[in-house]
Amino acid sequence: MRVKKLIILAAILTMIPALAIAQESPAHSVPAIKQVPIANTPSSSGKEMFDTYCAVCHGKDTKGNGPAAGAMKTPPADLTTLAKGNGGKYPATTWLR
């Protein structure tokens, strides 16, 4: 009877750590950033330049939700708020400061 209790106790003691490990939440994974070579875009088209160089972080809708936004330490700015603070017009000289 004593041996049976020891076997049961040993089984319980080995199962507890296994159950604790199984219930741990998965580690927070960092989104992978796909490296893509930069394509040259003519400077005569502001839309094409934004789509090529900026939209990956700021998003096509400029709200800061582009495909690479989740991988950044600091979230990209919501560019729609820049126009709201400037009388409804995007401040052209913002980037010069």
C-alpha atoms as a PDB file:
ATOM      1  CA  MET A   1       0.000   0.000   0.000  1.00  0.00           C
ATOM      2  CA  ARG A   2       2.845   2.353   0.849  1.00  0.00           C
ATOM      3  CA  VAL A   3       4.554   1.715  -2.507  1.00  0.00           C
ATOM      4  CA  LYS A   4       1.331   2.448  -4.342  1.00  0.00           C
ATOM      5  CA  LYS A   5       1.015   5.833  -2.576  1.00  0.00           C
ATOM      6  CA  LEU A   6       4.639   6.690  -3.451  1.00  0.00           C
ATOM      7  CA  ILE A   7       4.037   5.856  -7.114  1.00  0.00           C
ATOM      8  CA  ILE A   8       0.901   8.016  -7.204  1.00  0.00           C
ATOM      9  CA  LEU A   9       2.729  10.879  -5.467  1.00  0.00           C
ATOM     10  CA  ALA A  10       5.645  10.635  -7.923  1.00  0.00           C
ATOM     11  CA  ALA A  11       3.232  10.655 -10.873  1.00  0.00           C
ATOM     12  CA  ILE A  12       1.450  13.743  -9.556  1.00  0.00           C
ATOM     13  CA  LEU A  13       4.718  15.556  -8.901  1.00  0.00           C
ATOM     14  CA  THR A  14       5.916  14.895 -12.452  1.00  0.00           C
ATOM     15  CA  MET A  15       2.593  15.969 -13.993  1.00  0.00           C
ATOM     16  CA  ILE A  16       2.374  19.344 -12.224  1.00  0.00           C
ATOM     17  CA  PRO A  17       5.328  20.977 -14.052  1.00  0.00           C
ATOM     18  CA  ALA A  18       4.153  19.526 -17.364  1.00  0.00           C
ATOM     19  CA  LEU A  19       0.688  21.023 -16.893  1.00  0.00           C
ATOM     20  CA  ALA A  20       2.151  24.377 -15.858  1.00  0.00           C
ATOM     21  CA  ILE A  21       4.294  24.526 -18.995  1.00  0.00           C
ATOM     22  CA  ALA A  22       1.359  23.544 -21.204  1.00  0.00           C
ATOM     23  CA  GLN A  23      -0.777  26.386 -19.832  1.00  0.00           C
ATOM     24  CA  GLU A  24       1.794  29.140 -20.376  1.00  0.00           C
ATOM     25  CA  SER A  25       0.816  31.650 -22.999  1.00  0.00           C
ATOM     26  CA  PRO A  26       2.928  31.689 -26.150  1.00  0.00           C
ATOM     27  CA  ALA A  27       5.780  34.188 -26.197  1.00  0.00           C
ATOM     28  CA  HIS A  28       4.992  37.566 -27.763  1.00  0.00           C
ATOM     29  CA  SER A  29       6.310  37.250 -31.277  1.00  0.00           C
ATOM     30  CA  VAL A  30       7.616  40.232 -33.182  1.00  0.00           C
ATOM     31  CA  PRO A  31       6.200  40.560 -36.692  1.00  0.00           C
ATOM     32  CA  ALA A  32       8.733  39.807 -39.391  1.00  0.00           C
ATOM     33  CA  ILE A  33       9.706  42.637 -41.682  1.00  0.00           C
ATOM     34  CA  LYS A  34      10.000  41.689 -45.312  1.00  0.00           C
ATOM     35  CA  GLN A  35      13.010  43.393 -46.877  1.00  0.00           C
ATOM     36  CA  VAL A  36      12.157  44.772 -50.312  1.00  0.00           C
ATOM     37  CA  PRO A  37      14.509  46.845 -52.456  1.00  0.00           C
ATOM     38  CA  ILE A  38      13.460  50.465 -52.923  1.00  0.00           C
ATOM     39  CA  ALA A  39      12.042  51.251 -56.330  1.00  0.00           C
ATOM     40  CA  ASN A  40      12.825  54.633 -57.851  1.00  0.00           C
ATOM     41  CA  THR A  41       9.730  56.776 -58.261  1.00  0.00           C
ATOM     42  CA  PRO A  42       9.574  59.995 -60.270  1.00  0.00           C
ATOM     43  CA  SER A  43       9.385  63.065 -58.059  1.00  0.00           C
ATOM     44  CA  SER A  44       6.765  64.591 -60.359  1.00  0.00           C
ATOM     45  CA  SER A  45       4.025  62.506 -58.749  1.00  0.00           C
ATOM     46  CA  GLY A  46       3.418  63.059 -55.042  1.00  0.00           C
ATOM     47  CA  LYS A  47       0.883  60.211 -54.925  1.00  0.00           C
ATOM     48  CA  GLU A  48       3.327  57.736 -56.450  1.00  0.00           C
ATOM     49  CA  MET A  49       6.049  58.870 -54.054  1.00  0.00           C
ATOM     50  CA  PHE A  50       3.725  58.440 -51.052  1.00  0.00           C
ATOM     51  CA  ASP A  51       2.585  55.021 -52.260  1.00  0.00           C
ATOM     52  CA  THR A  52       6.195  53.895 -52.754  1.00  0.00           C
ATOM     53  CA  TYR A  53       7.958  55.363 -49.742  1.00  0.00           C
ATOM     54  CA  CYS A  54       5.367  56.203 -47.083  1.00  0.00           C
ATOM     55  CA  ALA A  55       2.298  53.972 -47.382  1.00  0.00           C
ATOM     56  CA  VAL A  56       4.122  50.907 -46.089  1.00  0.00           C
ATOM     57  CA  CYS A  57       4.101  52.504 -42.622  1.00  0.00           C
ATOM     58  CA  HIS A  58       1.386  55.167 -42.744  1.00  0.00           C
ATOM     59  CA  GLY A  59      -1.035  53.108 -44.844  1.00  0.00           C
ATOM     60  CA  LYS A  60      -2.786  54.024 -48.087  1.00  0.00           C
ATOM     61  CA  ASP A  61      -5.426  55.872 -46.037  1.00  0.00           C
ATOM     62  CA  THR A  62      -2.669  57.782 -44.099  1.00  0.00           C
ATOM     63  CA  LYS A  63      -4.048  56.711 -40.706  1.00  0.00           C
ATOM     64  CA  GLY A  64      -0.829  54.974 -39.590  1.00  0.00           C
ATOM     65  CA  ASN A  65      -1.990  51.415 -40.236  1.00  0.00           C
ATOM     66  CA  GLY A  66       0.311  50.297 -43.068  1.00  0.00           C
ATOM     67  CA  PRO A  67       1.590  46.727 -43.335  1.00  0.00           C
ATOM     68  CA  ALA A  68       4.874  47.549 -41.549  1.00  0.00           C
ATOM     69  CA  ALA A  69       3.263  49.588 -38.752  1.00  0.00           C
ATOM     70  CA  GLY A  70       2.959  46.624 -36.383  1.00  0.00           C
ATOM     71  CA  ALA A  71       6.689  45.941 -36.507  1.00  0.00           C
ATOM     72  CA  MET A  72       7.695  49.465 -35.488  1.00  0.00           C
ATOM     73  CA  LYS A  73       8.675  50.452 -31.927  1.00  0.00           C
ATOM     74  CA  THR A  74       6.956  53.821 -32.332  1.00  0.00           C
ATOM     75  CA  PRO A  75       3.700  53.685 -34.280  1.00  0.00           C
ATOM     76  CA  PRO A  76       3.593  55.817 -37.431  1.00  0.00           C
ATOM     77  CA  ALA A  77       1.671  59.076 -37.232  1.00  0.00           C
ATOM     78  CA  ASP A  78      -1.905  59.385 -38.381  1.00  0.00           C
ATOM     79  CA  LEU A  79      -1.323  61.944 -41.117  1.00  0.00           C
ATOM     80  CA  THR A  80      -5.003  62.890 -41.285  1.00  0.00           C
ATOM     81  CA  THR A  81      -4.607  64.727 -37.976  1.00  0.00           C
ATOM     82  CA  LEU A  82      -2.009  67.074 -39.495  1.00  0.00           C
ATOM     83  CA  ALA A  83      -4.600  68.585 -41.812  1.00  0.00           C
ATOM     84  CA  LYS A  84      -7.136  68.952 -38.975  1.00  0.00           C
ATOM     85  CA  GLY A  85      -4.697  71.085 -36.995  1.00  0.00           C
ATOM     86  CA  ASN A  86      -3.918  73.282 -40.013  1.00  0.00           C
ATOM     87  CA  GLY A  87      -7.319  74.504 -41.111  1.00  0.00           C
ATOM     88  CA  GLY A  88      -8.133  71.367 -43.137  1.00  0.00           C
ATOM     89  CA  LYS A  89      -5.040  71.649 -45.346  1.00  0.00           C
ATOM     90  CA  TYR A  90      -1.976  69.421 -45.151  1.00  0.00           C
ATOM     91  CA  PRO A  91       0.967  71.596 -44.022  1.00  0.00           C
ATOM     92  CA  ALA A  92       3.462  71.359 -46.887  1.00  0.00           C
ATOM     93  CA  THR A  93       6.430  72.561 -44.806  1.00  0.00           C
ATOM     94  CA  THR A  94       5.949  70.144 -41.871  1.00  0.00           C
ATOM     95  CA  TRP A  95       8.803  67.936 -42.956  1.00  0.00           C
ATOM     96  CA  LEU A  96      11.185  70.915 -43.263  1.00  0.00           C
ATOM     97  CA  ARG A  97      11.227  71.647 -39.521  1.00  0.00           C
END
